[in-house]
Amino acid sequence: MFFHIIRGISATDRIFAVIRDLAGSNKTVKIADVIERCVDKGFKPDQVDACIEEYENLNVWQVNQVRTKLTFM
């Protein structure tokens, strides 16, 4: 049953959960660390980029100008 619940959640939402867990109590996380962790979990880099962009557009976080750090709002 748990497997079916996970399958119903979009890759973007699962990547967001990975990023949130990686950040822990920190507001800022390195994008290189995000990509590494997500790829280790089986996501493709383009999926990670799409997630970062989507949640940035939703003002959940900001990405610095050189795209090396992500900061939760």
Foldseek 3Di string as FASTA:
>chain_A
DVVVVVVVDDPLVVLVVVVCVVCPPHQKDFVVVSQVSVVVVPDDSVSNVVSLVVVVVVQQWPADPVRGMIGGD
